[in-house]
Every structure is written in C-alpha cells, then in structure tokens.
Amino acid sequence: MAAYKAGTPSQLQLLLSQNDPALLSRMAYYNAALLNNRKAHIDRYQATLANLEQLEPEISQQADLLARSQSSLNQKHQSLKASQAERKKTLARINASIEAKDAQLQRSAADRAHLEKILSEVVRQLSDVALGMPGQPFSARKGKMGWPTKGRIASTFGSARAGNRLRWQGVVIDAPEGRDVKAIHQGRVVFSEYMRGQGMLLIIDHGDNYLSLYAHNQALFKETGDWVSDGEVVARVGNSGGLEQANLYFEIRHKGKPINPAQWCRG
C-alpha cells in the first residue's frame, strides 16, 4: 500500500526514503514480492503468447481442414440431391414404361379377343361347307408350302410378346413395305377388310377346317368370296394396324386352333 501511494517508485528510491530499518526491511520485502508477482504474471503472459504462436499454424491448419471438409460435404450433399432427383426421374420413367406396357398389353389382349371372336364365327360358318377344290388337300402339303413372303422370321410361333404375358400364335416376318404377299395354298377368301390391331387383314379358307391369316398389309387384292390359287399374290406387306415398321403377321389354323407355320412352310 505504501508503494502504491508512493507512485510505484523504484526500489532504490524506496530504500533511500526510509530511515527506520524495520520499516525499510518490510518495504524491501513487500517490494520484492510485488516485483516477483509482476514478473510471474509477465512470464505467464509471455508463455501464453508463445503457446498461441505455436498453436496458430495448427489452428490455421485445422481451420483449412474444416473448410475443405465442409466443401466436400457440400459437394456430396449436392451430388446426393442430384442422385435423388435422377432416381426420381428414372422411377417416373419406369412407372410410365410399366403403365405404357400395361396399356399395350390390354390393347393386345383386347385385339386378340376380337380376332378370336371373328375367327370363331368364320369357323362356325365354314364347319359344314365343303370347298371341293381340285388338287392336293391342304393336309397333304405339310412341310412343302412356301412362306407367304420373303423376309426374316422376327417372332416365332409360341414366343413371348407384350411382356411375356401373351404368346405369338403365328409368326412375324420382317419384310419391306410393298413386298408381295402370296397365298400359301388354294382356297377361298372368307375375310378381307381392316381390323383393329391387325390392320388390313386377309383370311383364306383352304378346306378341311384349315385357315391361313395375313395381317398388317398395305393393300388387299382380294375380296371376301374370291377364289385364290396357290402362290397367287393376294396383298402387299405394310404396317397397318399401328405398327412402327412394316412386317407380315401370318397364322395357320386348324379347327380354329393355331398351329406352328414352321411345320408347314419351308424356305
């Protein structure tokens, strides 16, 4: 307190200003203690500054790491959001595709049912009719008849169509639009007009409950009731009935049931 009132004079001043030895001794002790305490504070402060100087590069490094980590997290977050958005788009496309396939399947099934109804009616009307045509009967020419048109067999009898839930009851022959379609055997035309799902459709009765069917034609050259000879041009290949590209759909039936054309036609 005395040192404080004195304006923190130097130790020499304090010593010279005192006459009482005991007081002088106490003052020297207190002054030394004050100086030591001040030095200790200064030493701790300098040590703290030194520690801060040592920690500063590490803190700066950690700050950089945190900044890079944050940037990486932001990028991953953006990437995740983009992936989620793309996943939603993909799911929407898949759902749309499934819906489109379901709709296509329903249309195919409805078209097939309509065709079966027509064929059943044709078979019923022909069941008691004998054509009495000259030449070999249809059954005698199994494996000897030519295909109705030249082209590649794109879908075989019994193979899957419309998502594996329907089967082809004939064959699909890829051929260019306008190519000749020929009758595989002599007979009489029992159907010649446009049908939903089948396009321009021609059906020929060959007798003995055998029918041949030619669908998706560009043009039909025979009308119902016309007689045709073996190999006669009866139509042109087309894409009628909703096809994207031209082909001929071809069936052979016996007593209303589809049979494999590959067992009857060669080449």
C-alpha atoms as a PDB file:
ATOM      1  CA  MET A   1       0.000   0.000   0.000  1.00  0.00           C
ATOM      2  CA  ALA A   2       2.854   2.328   0.776  1.00  0.00           C
ATOM      3  CA  ALA A   3       4.454   1.505  -2.548  1.00  0.00           C
ATOM      4  CA  TYR A   4       1.177   2.137  -4.324  1.00  0.00           C
ATOM      5  CA  LYS A   5       0.748   5.569  -2.604  1.00  0.00           C
ATOM      6  CA  ALA A   6       4.284   6.445  -3.488  1.00  0.00           C
ATOM      7  CA  GLY A   7       3.508   6.056  -7.178  1.00  0.00           C
ATOM      8  CA  THR A   8       5.358   2.780  -7.632  1.00  0.00           C
ATOM      9  CA  PRO A   9       8.840   4.305  -7.196  1.00  0.00           C
ATOM     10  CA  SER A  10      11.944   2.286  -7.929  1.00  0.00           C
ATOM     11  CA  GLN A  11      13.404   0.046  -5.242  1.00  0.00           C
ATOM     12  CA  LEU A  12      16.388   2.370  -4.776  1.00  0.00           C
ATOM     13  CA  GLN A  13      14.070   5.328  -4.154  1.00  0.00           C
ATOM     14  CA  LEU A  14      12.132   3.353  -1.589  1.00  0.00           C
ATOM     15  CA  LEU A  15      15.279   2.371   0.223  1.00  0.00           C
ATOM     16  CA  LEU A  16      16.658   5.932   0.277  1.00  0.00           C
ATOM     17  CA  SER A  17      13.383   7.439   1.524  1.00  0.00           C
ATOM     18  CA  GLN A  18      13.157   5.319   4.640  1.00  0.00           C
ATOM     19  CA  ASN A  19      15.028   5.935   7.936  1.00  0.00           C
ATOM     20  CA  ASP A  20      13.513   3.151  10.052  1.00  0.00           C
ATOM     21  CA  PRO A  21      15.463  -0.071   9.422  1.00  0.00           C
ATOM     22  CA  ALA A  22      12.499  -2.289  10.341  1.00  0.00           C
ATOM     23  CA  LEU A  23      10.178  -0.398   8.050  1.00  0.00           C
ATOM     24  CA  LEU A  24      12.850  -0.354   5.403  1.00  0.00           C
ATOM     25  CA  SER A  25      13.172  -4.125   5.662  1.00  0.00           C
ATOM     26  CA  ARG A  26       9.440  -4.660   5.376  1.00  0.00           C
ATOM     27  CA  MET A  27       9.177  -2.302   2.442  1.00  0.00           C
ATOM     28  CA  ALA A  28      12.025  -4.092   0.671  1.00  0.00           C
ATOM     29  CA  TYR A  29      10.308  -7.429   1.270  1.00  0.00           C
ATOM     30  CA  TYR A  30       6.941  -6.197   0.023  1.00  0.00           C
ATOM     31  CA  ASN A  31       8.544  -4.563  -2.966  1.00  0.00           C
ATOM     32  CA  ALA A  32      10.414  -7.731  -3.854  1.00  0.00           C
ATOM     33  CA  ALA A  33       7.233  -9.757  -3.522  1.00  0.00           C
ATOM     34  CA  LEU A  34       5.378  -7.301  -5.745  1.00  0.00           C
ATOM     35  CA  LEU A  35       8.108  -7.426  -8.369  1.00  0.00           C
ATOM     36  CA  ASN A  36       8.216 -11.210  -8.258  1.00  0.00           C
ATOM     37  CA  ASN A  37       4.440 -11.394  -8.646  1.00  0.00           C
ATOM     38  CA  ARG A  38       4.580  -8.963 -11.559  1.00  0.00           C
ATOM     39  CA  LYS A  39       7.376 -10.958 -13.181  1.00  0.00           C
ATOM     40  CA  ALA A  40       5.385 -14.156 -12.750  1.00  0.00           C
ATOM     41  CA  HIS A  41       2.401 -12.559 -14.484  1.00  0.00           C
ATOM     42  CA  ILE A  42       4.646 -11.297 -17.269  1.00  0.00           C
ATOM     43  CA  ASP A  43       6.255 -14.746 -17.637  1.00  0.00           C
ATOM     44  CA  ARG A  44       2.843 -16.428 -17.843  1.00  0.00           C
ATOM     45  CA  TYR A  45       1.654 -13.869 -20.365  1.00  0.00           C
ATOM     46  CA  GLN A  46       4.755 -14.375 -22.493  1.00  0.00           C
ATOM     47  CA  ALA A  47       4.320 -18.169 -22.206  1.00  0.00           C
ATOM     48  CA  THR A  48       0.704 -17.818 -23.325  1.00  0.00           C
ATOM     49  CA  LEU A  49       1.788 -15.699 -26.276  1.00  0.00           C
ATOM     50  CA  ALA A  50       4.417 -18.280 -27.152  1.00  0.00           C
ATOM     51  CA  ASN A  51       1.841 -21.082 -26.925  1.00  0.00           C
ATOM     52  CA  LEU A  52      -0.547 -19.101 -29.101  1.00  0.00           C
ATOM     53  CA  GLU A  53       2.215 -18.550 -31.649  1.00  0.00           C
ATOM     54  CA  GLN A  54       2.880 -22.308 -31.649  1.00  0.00           C
ATOM     55  CA  LEU A  55      -0.824 -23.143 -31.874  1.00  0.00           C
ATOM     56  CA  GLU A  56      -1.614 -20.628 -34.602  1.00  0.00           C
ATOM     57  CA  PRO A  57      -0.305 -22.764 -37.515  1.00  0.00           C
ATOM     58  CA  GLU A  58      -2.118 -25.791 -36.133  1.00  0.00           C
ATOM     59  CA  ILE A  59      -5.331 -23.795 -35.666  1.00  0.00           C
ATOM     60  CA  SER A  60      -4.970 -22.425 -39.174  1.00  0.00           C
ATOM     61  CA  GLN A  61      -4.382 -25.953 -40.493  1.00  0.00           C
ATOM     62  CA  GLN A  62      -7.410 -27.262 -38.628  1.00  0.00           C
ATOM     63  CA  ALA A  63      -9.481 -24.371 -39.971  1.00  0.00           C
ATOM     64  CA  ASP A  64      -8.369 -25.239 -43.511  1.00  0.00           C
ATOM     65  CA  LEU A  65      -9.236 -28.892 -42.936  1.00  0.00           C
ATOM     66  CA  LEU A  66     -12.644 -27.938 -41.612  1.00  0.00           C
ATOM     67  CA  ALA A  67     -13.199 -25.644 -44.590  1.00  0.00           C
ATOM     68  CA  ARG A  68     -12.226 -28.404 -47.013  1.00  0.00           C
ATOM     69  CA  SER A  69     -14.384 -30.899 -45.144  1.00  0.00           C
ATOM     70  CA  GLN A  70     -17.307 -28.510 -45.288  1.00  0.00           C
ATOM     71  CA  SER A  71     -16.744 -28.001 -49.013  1.00  0.00           C
ATOM     72  CA  SER A  72     -16.569 -31.763 -49.533  1.00  0.00           C
ATOM     73  CA  LEU A  73     -19.756 -32.242 -47.517  1.00  0.00           C
ATOM     74  CA  ASN A  74     -21.480 -29.564 -49.573  1.00  0.00           C
ATOM     75  CA  GLN A  75     -20.401 -31.267 -52.794  1.00  0.00           C
ATOM     76  CA  LYS A  76     -21.565 -34.658 -51.519  1.00  0.00           C
ATOM     77  CA  HIS A  77     -24.852 -33.110 -50.459  1.00  0.00           C
ATOM     78  CA  GLN A  78     -25.346 -31.584 -53.892  1.00  0.00           C
ATOM     79  CA  SER A  79     -24.353 -34.866 -55.527  1.00  0.00           C
ATOM     80  CA  LEU A  80     -26.806 -36.732 -53.305  1.00  0.00           C
ATOM     81  CA  LYS A  81     -29.577 -34.287 -54.186  1.00  0.00           C
ATOM     82  CA  ALA A  82     -28.773 -34.706 -57.882  1.00  0.00           C
ATOM     83  CA  SER A  83     -28.750 -38.505 -57.498  1.00  0.00           C
ATOM     84  CA  GLN A  84     -32.072 -38.409 -55.694  1.00  0.00           C
ATOM     85  CA  ALA A  85     -33.550 -36.201 -58.410  1.00  0.00           C
ATOM     86  CA  GLU A  86     -32.219 -38.524 -61.119  1.00  0.00           C
ATOM     87  CA  ARG A  87     -33.553 -41.519 -59.197  1.00  0.00           C
ATOM     88  CA  LYS A  88     -36.992 -39.898 -59.100  1.00  0.00           C
ATOM     89  CA  LYS A  89     -36.830 -39.252 -62.842  1.00  0.00           C
ATOM     90  CA  THR A  90     -35.744 -42.842 -63.502  1.00  0.00           C
ATOM     91  CA  LEU A  91     -38.535 -44.155 -61.291  1.00  0.00           C
ATOM     92  CA  ALA A  92     -41.025 -41.946 -63.099  1.00  0.00           C
ATOM     93  CA  ARG A  93     -39.774 -43.258 -66.463  1.00  0.00           C
ATOM     94  CA  ILE A  94     -40.011 -46.847 -65.214  1.00  0.00           C
ATOM     95  CA  ASN A  95     -43.535 -46.272 -63.922  1.00  0.00           C
ATOM     96  CA  ALA A  96     -44.516 -44.618 -67.206  1.00  0.00           C
ATOM     97  CA  SER A  97     -42.990 -47.532 -69.123  1.00  0.00           C
ATOM     98  CA  ILE A  98     -44.859 -50.034 -66.963  1.00  0.00           C
ATOM     99  CA  GLU A  99     -48.098 -48.137 -67.469  1.00  0.00           C
ATOM    100  CA  ALA A 100     -47.467 -47.991 -71.226  1.00  0.00           C
ATOM    101  CA  LYS A 101     -46.712 -51.719 -71.336  1.00  0.00           C
ATOM    102  CA  ASP A 102     -49.806 -52.477 -69.298  1.00  0.00           C
ATOM    103  CA  ALA A 103     -51.876 -50.381 -71.670  1.00  0.00           C
ATOM    104  CA  GLN A 104     -50.239 -52.097 -74.653  1.00  0.00           C
ATOM    105  CA  LEU A 105     -50.919 -55.485 -73.091  1.00  0.00           C
ATOM    106  CA  GLN A 106     -54.551 -54.572 -72.524  1.00  0.00           C
ATOM    107  CA  ARG A 107     -54.876 -53.403 -76.134  1.00  0.00           C
ATOM    108  CA  SER A 108     -53.152 -56.542 -77.419  1.00  0.00           C
ATOM    109  CA  ALA A 109     -55.396 -58.765 -75.313  1.00  0.00           C
ATOM    110  CA  ALA A 110     -58.499 -56.891 -76.491  1.00  0.00           C
ATOM    111  CA  ASP A 111     -57.367 -57.069 -80.128  1.00  0.00           C
ATOM    112  CA  ARG A 112     -56.599 -60.771 -79.760  1.00  0.00           C
ATOM    113  CA  ALA A 113     -60.036 -61.401 -78.214  1.00  0.00           C
ATOM    114  CA  HIS A 114     -61.671 -59.530 -81.102  1.00  0.00           C
ATOM    115  CA  LEU A 115     -59.743 -61.592 -83.655  1.00  0.00           C
ATOM    116  CA  GLU A 116     -60.633 -64.826 -81.858  1.00  0.00           C
ATOM    117  CA  LYS A 117     -64.294 -63.843 -81.982  1.00  0.00           C
ATOM    118  CA  ILE A 118     -64.108 -63.217 -85.733  1.00  0.00           C
ATOM    119  CA  LEU A 119     -62.251 -66.484 -86.335  1.00  0.00           C
ATOM    120  CA  SER A 120     -64.722 -68.431 -84.213  1.00  0.00           C
ATOM    121  CA  GLU A 121     -67.557 -67.038 -86.295  1.00  0.00           C
ATOM    122  CA  VAL A 122     -65.715 -67.893 -89.515  1.00  0.00           C
ATOM    123  CA  VAL A 123     -65.043 -71.445 -88.324  1.00  0.00           C
ATOM    124  CA  ARG A 124     -68.673 -71.839 -87.266  1.00  0.00           C
ATOM    125  CA  GLN A 125     -69.963 -70.722 -90.647  1.00  0.00           C
ATOM    126  CA  LEU A 126     -67.495 -72.929 -92.558  1.00  0.00           C
ATOM    127  CA  SER A 127     -67.883 -76.055 -90.442  1.00  0.00           C
ATOM    128  CA  ASP A 128     -70.492 -77.529 -92.769  1.00  0.00           C
ATOM    129  CA  VAL A 129     -69.139 -76.133 -96.040  1.00  0.00           C
ATOM    130  CA  ALA A 130     -67.022 -78.310 -98.355  1.00  0.00           C
ATOM    131  CA  LEU A 131     -64.975 -76.370-100.903  1.00  0.00           C
ATOM    132  CA  GLY A 132     -64.456 -79.329-103.207  1.00  0.00           C
ATOM    133  CA  MET A 133     -61.304 -77.849-104.752  1.00  0.00           C
ATOM    134  CA  PRO A 134     -59.168 -79.821-107.197  1.00  0.00           C
ATOM    135  CA  GLY A 135     -55.569 -80.729-106.417  1.00  0.00           C
ATOM    136  CA  GLN A 136     -53.912 -81.869-103.223  1.00  0.00           C
ATOM    137  CA  PRO A 137     -55.661 -81.148 -99.927  1.00  0.00           C
ATOM    138  CA  PHE A 138     -54.021 -78.766 -97.513  1.00  0.00           C
ATOM    139  CA  SER A 139     -53.043 -81.527 -95.057  1.00  0.00           C
ATOM    140  CA  ALA A 140     -51.116 -83.397 -97.774  1.00  0.00           C
ATOM    141  CA  ARG A 141     -48.783 -80.433 -98.306  1.00  0.00           C
ATOM    142  CA  LYS A 142     -47.453 -80.184 -94.758  1.00  0.00           C
ATOM    143  CA  GLY A 143     -43.812 -79.058 -94.866  1.00  0.00           C
ATOM    144  CA  LYS A 144     -43.952 -78.425 -98.633  1.00  0.00           C
ATOM    145  CA  MET A 145     -45.589 -74.985 -98.884  1.00  0.00           C
ATOM    146  CA  GLY A 146     -43.655 -71.763 -99.294  1.00  0.00           C
ATOM    147  CA  TRP A 147     -43.808 -68.822 -96.916  1.00  0.00           C
ATOM    148  CA  PRO A 148     -46.274 -66.103 -97.897  1.00  0.00           C
ATOM    149  CA  THR A 149     -43.485 -63.515 -98.357  1.00  0.00           C
ATOM    150  CA  LYS A 150     -39.703 -63.307 -98.392  1.00  0.00           C
ATOM    151  CA  GLY A 151     -38.176 -61.952 -95.172  1.00  0.00           C
ATOM    152  CA  ARG A 152     -36.697 -62.704 -91.773  1.00  0.00           C
ATOM    153  CA  ILE A 153     -38.722 -64.500 -89.109  1.00  0.00           C
ATOM    154  CA  ALA A 154     -38.664 -61.876 -86.325  1.00  0.00           C
ATOM    155  CA  SER A 155     -41.024 -63.659 -83.904  1.00  0.00           C
ATOM    156  CA  THR A 156     -41.599 -67.396 -83.856  1.00  0.00           C
ATOM    157  CA  PHE A 157     -44.732 -69.345 -83.022  1.00  0.00           C
ATOM    158  CA  GLY A 158     -45.256 -69.566 -79.238  1.00  0.00           C
ATOM    159  CA  SER A 159     -42.607 -66.956 -78.365  1.00  0.00           C
ATOM    160  CA  ALA A 160     -43.372 -64.272 -75.783  1.00  0.00           C
ATOM    161  CA  ARG A 161     -44.964 -60.962 -76.706  1.00  0.00           C
ATOM    162  CA  ALA A 162     -46.188 -57.941 -74.692  1.00  0.00           C
ATOM    163  CA  GLY A 163     -44.108 -58.578 -71.552  1.00  0.00           C
ATOM    164  CA  ASN A 164     -44.184 -62.419 -71.618  1.00  0.00           C
ATOM    165  CA  ARG A 165     -47.878 -62.484 -70.718  1.00  0.00           C
ATOM    166  CA  LEU A 166     -49.071 -63.254 -74.254  1.00  0.00           C
ATOM    167  CA  ARG A 167     -47.662 -65.667 -76.819  1.00  0.00           C
ATOM    168  CA  TRP A 168     -47.443 -65.351 -80.582  1.00  0.00           C
ATOM    169  CA  GLN A 169     -49.970 -67.662 -82.222  1.00  0.00           C
ATOM    170  CA  GLY A 170     -48.291 -67.213 -85.584  1.00  0.00           C
ATOM    171  CA  VAL A 171     -45.051 -65.754 -86.926  1.00  0.00           C
ATOM    172  CA  VAL A 172     -43.909 -62.189 -87.637  1.00  0.00           C
ATOM    173  CA  ILE A 173     -41.973 -61.855 -90.891  1.00  0.00           C
ATOM    174  CA  ASP A 174     -39.883 -58.700 -91.298  1.00  0.00           C
ATOM    175  CA  ALA A 175     -40.170 -57.554 -94.911  1.00  0.00           C
ATOM    176  CA  PRO A 176     -40.040 -54.202 -96.717  1.00  0.00           C
ATOM    177  CA  GLU A 177     -43.254 -52.327 -97.304  1.00  0.00           C
ATOM    178  CA  GLY A 178     -44.875 -53.189-100.618  1.00  0.00           C
ATOM    179  CA  ARG A 179     -43.422 -56.697-100.993  1.00  0.00           C
ATOM    180  CA  ASP A 180     -45.788 -59.347-102.421  1.00  0.00           C
ATOM    181  CA  VAL A 181     -47.859 -61.470-100.049  1.00  0.00           C
ATOM    182  CA  LYS A 182     -48.889 -64.790-101.622  1.00  0.00           C
ATOM    183  CA  ALA A 183     -51.490 -67.387-100.709  1.00  0.00           C
ATOM    184  CA  ILE A 184     -49.746 -70.482 -99.357  1.00  0.00           C
ATOM    185  CA  HIS A 185     -52.416 -72.773-100.833  1.00  0.00           C
ATOM    186  CA  GLN A 186     -55.505 -72.579-102.974  1.00  0.00           C
ATOM    187  CA  GLY A 187     -58.729 -71.593-101.286  1.00  0.00           C
ATOM    188  CA  ARG A 188     -61.434 -69.006-100.853  1.00  0.00           C
ATOM    189  CA  VAL A 189     -61.205 -65.625 -99.115  1.00  0.00           C
ATOM    190  CA  VAL A 190     -63.516 -65.504 -96.107  1.00  0.00           C
ATOM    191  CA  PHE A 191     -62.366 -62.164 -94.629  1.00  0.00           C
ATOM    192  CA  SER A 192     -60.835 -59.133 -96.348  1.00  0.00           C
ATOM    193  CA  GLU A 193     -61.007 -55.814 -94.524  1.00  0.00           C
ATOM    194  CA  TYR A 194     -59.442 -53.649 -91.832  1.00  0.00           C
ATOM    195  CA  MET A 195     -59.490 -54.963 -88.258  1.00  0.00           C
ATOM    196  CA  ARG A 196     -58.378 -53.117 -85.134  1.00  0.00           C
ATOM    197  CA  GLY A 197     -54.923 -54.311 -84.046  1.00  0.00           C
ATOM    198  CA  GLN A 198     -54.469 -56.429 -87.204  1.00  0.00           C
ATOM    199  CA  GLY A 199     -54.650 -53.720 -89.831  1.00  0.00           C
ATOM    200  CA  MET A 200     -55.554 -54.823 -93.361  1.00  0.00           C
ATOM    201  CA  LEU A 201     -56.401 -58.480 -92.737  1.00  0.00           C
ATOM    202  CA  LEU A 202     -56.971 -61.327 -95.157  1.00  0.00           C
ATOM    203  CA  ILE A 203     -58.178 -64.816 -94.150  1.00  0.00           C
ATOM    204  CA  ILE A 204     -58.289 -67.729 -96.605  1.00  0.00           C
ATOM    205  CA  ASP A 205     -60.237 -70.965 -96.147  1.00  0.00           C
ATOM    206  CA  HIS A 206     -58.300 -73.926 -97.573  1.00  0.00           C
ATOM    207  CA  GLY A 207     -60.877 -76.591 -96.807  1.00  0.00           C
ATOM    208  CA  ASP A 208     -60.881 -79.395 -94.228  1.00  0.00           C
ATOM    209  CA  ASN A 209     -61.057 -76.718 -91.466  1.00  0.00           C
ATOM    210  CA  TYR A 210     -57.673 -75.150 -92.382  1.00  0.00           C
ATOM    211  CA  LEU A 211     -57.326 -71.366 -92.492  1.00  0.00           C
ATOM    212  CA  SER A 212     -54.406 -69.050 -93.212  1.00  0.00           C
ATOM    213  CA  LEU A 213     -54.295 -65.465 -91.912  1.00  0.00           C
ATOM    214  CA  TYR A 214     -52.279 -62.495 -93.275  1.00  0.00           C
ATOM    215  CA  ALA A 215     -52.242 -59.255 -91.204  1.00  0.00           C
ATOM    216  CA  HIS A 216     -50.810 -55.678 -91.247  1.00  0.00           C
ATOM    217  CA  ASN A 217     -50.932 -55.471 -95.041  1.00  0.00           C
ATOM    218  CA  GLN A 218     -50.536 -52.267 -97.013  1.00  0.00           C
ATOM    219  CA  ALA A 219     -53.184 -53.306 -99.534  1.00  0.00           C
ATOM    220  CA  LEU A 220     -55.542 -56.236-100.120  1.00  0.00           C
ATOM    221  CA  PHE A 221     -56.124 -57.526-103.664  1.00  0.00           C
ATOM    222  CA  LYS A 222     -58.894 -59.996-102.911  1.00  0.00           C
ATOM    223  CA  GLU A 223     -62.361 -59.536-101.500  1.00  0.00           C
ATOM    224  CA  THR A 224     -64.484 -61.834 -99.376  1.00  0.00           C
ATOM    225  CA  GLY A 225     -65.753 -64.690-101.531  1.00  0.00           C
ATOM    226  CA  ASP A 226     -62.905 -64.544-104.085  1.00  0.00           C
ATOM    227  CA  TRP A 227     -61.125 -67.760-105.039  1.00  0.00           C
ATOM    228  CA  VAL A 228     -57.327 -67.806-104.954  1.00  0.00           C
ATOM    229  CA  SER A 229     -54.782 -70.215-106.360  1.00  0.00           C
ATOM    230  CA  ASP A 230     -51.589 -71.491-104.749  1.00  0.00           C
ATOM    231  CA  GLY A 231     -48.893 -68.789-104.833  1.00  0.00           C
ATOM    232  CA  GLU A 232     -51.223 -66.054-106.087  1.00  0.00           C
ATOM    233  CA  VAL A 233     -50.420 -62.502-104.876  1.00  0.00           C
ATOM    234  CA  VAL A 234     -53.229 -61.523-102.515  1.00  0.00           C
ATOM    235  CA  ALA A 235     -51.782 -58.477-100.684  1.00  0.00           C
ATOM    236  CA  ARG A 236     -48.770 -56.205-100.112  1.00  0.00           C
ATOM    237  CA  VAL A 237     -46.631 -56.052 -96.950  1.00  0.00           C
ATOM    238  CA  GLY A 238     -47.370 -52.963 -94.839  1.00  0.00           C
ATOM    239  CA  ASN A 239     -47.520 -51.556 -91.314  1.00  0.00           C
ATOM    240  CA  SER A 240     -51.269 -51.080 -90.912  1.00  0.00           C
ATOM    241  CA  GLY A 241     -52.797 -51.618 -87.504  1.00  0.00           C
ATOM    242  CA  GLY A 242     -50.414 -49.378 -85.565  1.00  0.00           C
ATOM    243  CA  LEU A 243     -47.008 -50.886 -86.404  1.00  0.00           C
ATOM    244  CA  GLU A 244     -43.876 -48.730 -86.410  1.00  0.00           C
ATOM    245  CA  GLN A 245     -42.265 -50.722 -89.223  1.00  0.00           C
ATOM    246  CA  ALA A 246     -43.564 -52.954 -91.967  1.00  0.00           C
ATOM    247  CA  ASN A 247     -43.962 -56.702 -91.439  1.00  0.00           C
ATOM    248  CA  LEU A 248     -46.372 -59.534 -92.139  1.00  0.00           C
ATOM    249  CA  TYR A 249     -48.124 -61.382 -89.333  1.00  0.00           C
ATOM    250  CA  PHE A 250     -49.009 -64.879 -90.518  1.00  0.00           C
ATOM    251  CA  GLU A 251     -51.041 -67.666 -88.912  1.00  0.00           C
ATOM    252  CA  ILE A 252     -52.274 -71.138 -89.860  1.00  0.00           C
ATOM    253  CA  ARG A 253     -55.269 -72.590 -88.002  1.00  0.00           C
ATOM    254  CA  HIS A 254     -56.956 -75.972 -87.928  1.00  0.00           C
ATOM    255  CA  LYS A 255     -60.438 -76.204 -86.485  1.00  0.00           C
ATOM    256  CA  GLY A 256     -59.934 -72.739 -85.048  1.00  0.00           C
ATOM    257  CA  LYS A 257     -56.716 -73.623 -83.180  1.00  0.00           C
ATOM    258  CA  PRO A 258     -53.389 -72.006 -84.132  1.00  0.00           C
ATOM    259  CA  ILE A 259     -50.666 -74.391 -85.356  1.00  0.00           C
ATOM    260  CA  ASN A 260     -46.978 -73.750 -85.962  1.00  0.00           C
ATOM    261  CA  PRO A 261     -46.470 -72.383 -89.511  1.00  0.00           C
ATOM    262  CA  ALA A 262     -42.839 -73.538 -89.468  1.00  0.00           C
ATOM    263  CA  GLN A 263     -44.094 -77.136 -89.629  1.00  0.00           C
ATOM    264  CA  TRP A 264     -45.991 -76.389 -92.839  1.00  0.00           C
ATOM    265  CA  CYS A 265     -43.862 -73.844 -94.735  1.00  0.00           C
ATOM    266  CA  ARG A 266     -40.295 -74.240 -95.954  1.00  0.00           C
ATOM    267  CA  GLY A 267     -37.567 -71.988 -97.322  1.00  0.00           C
END
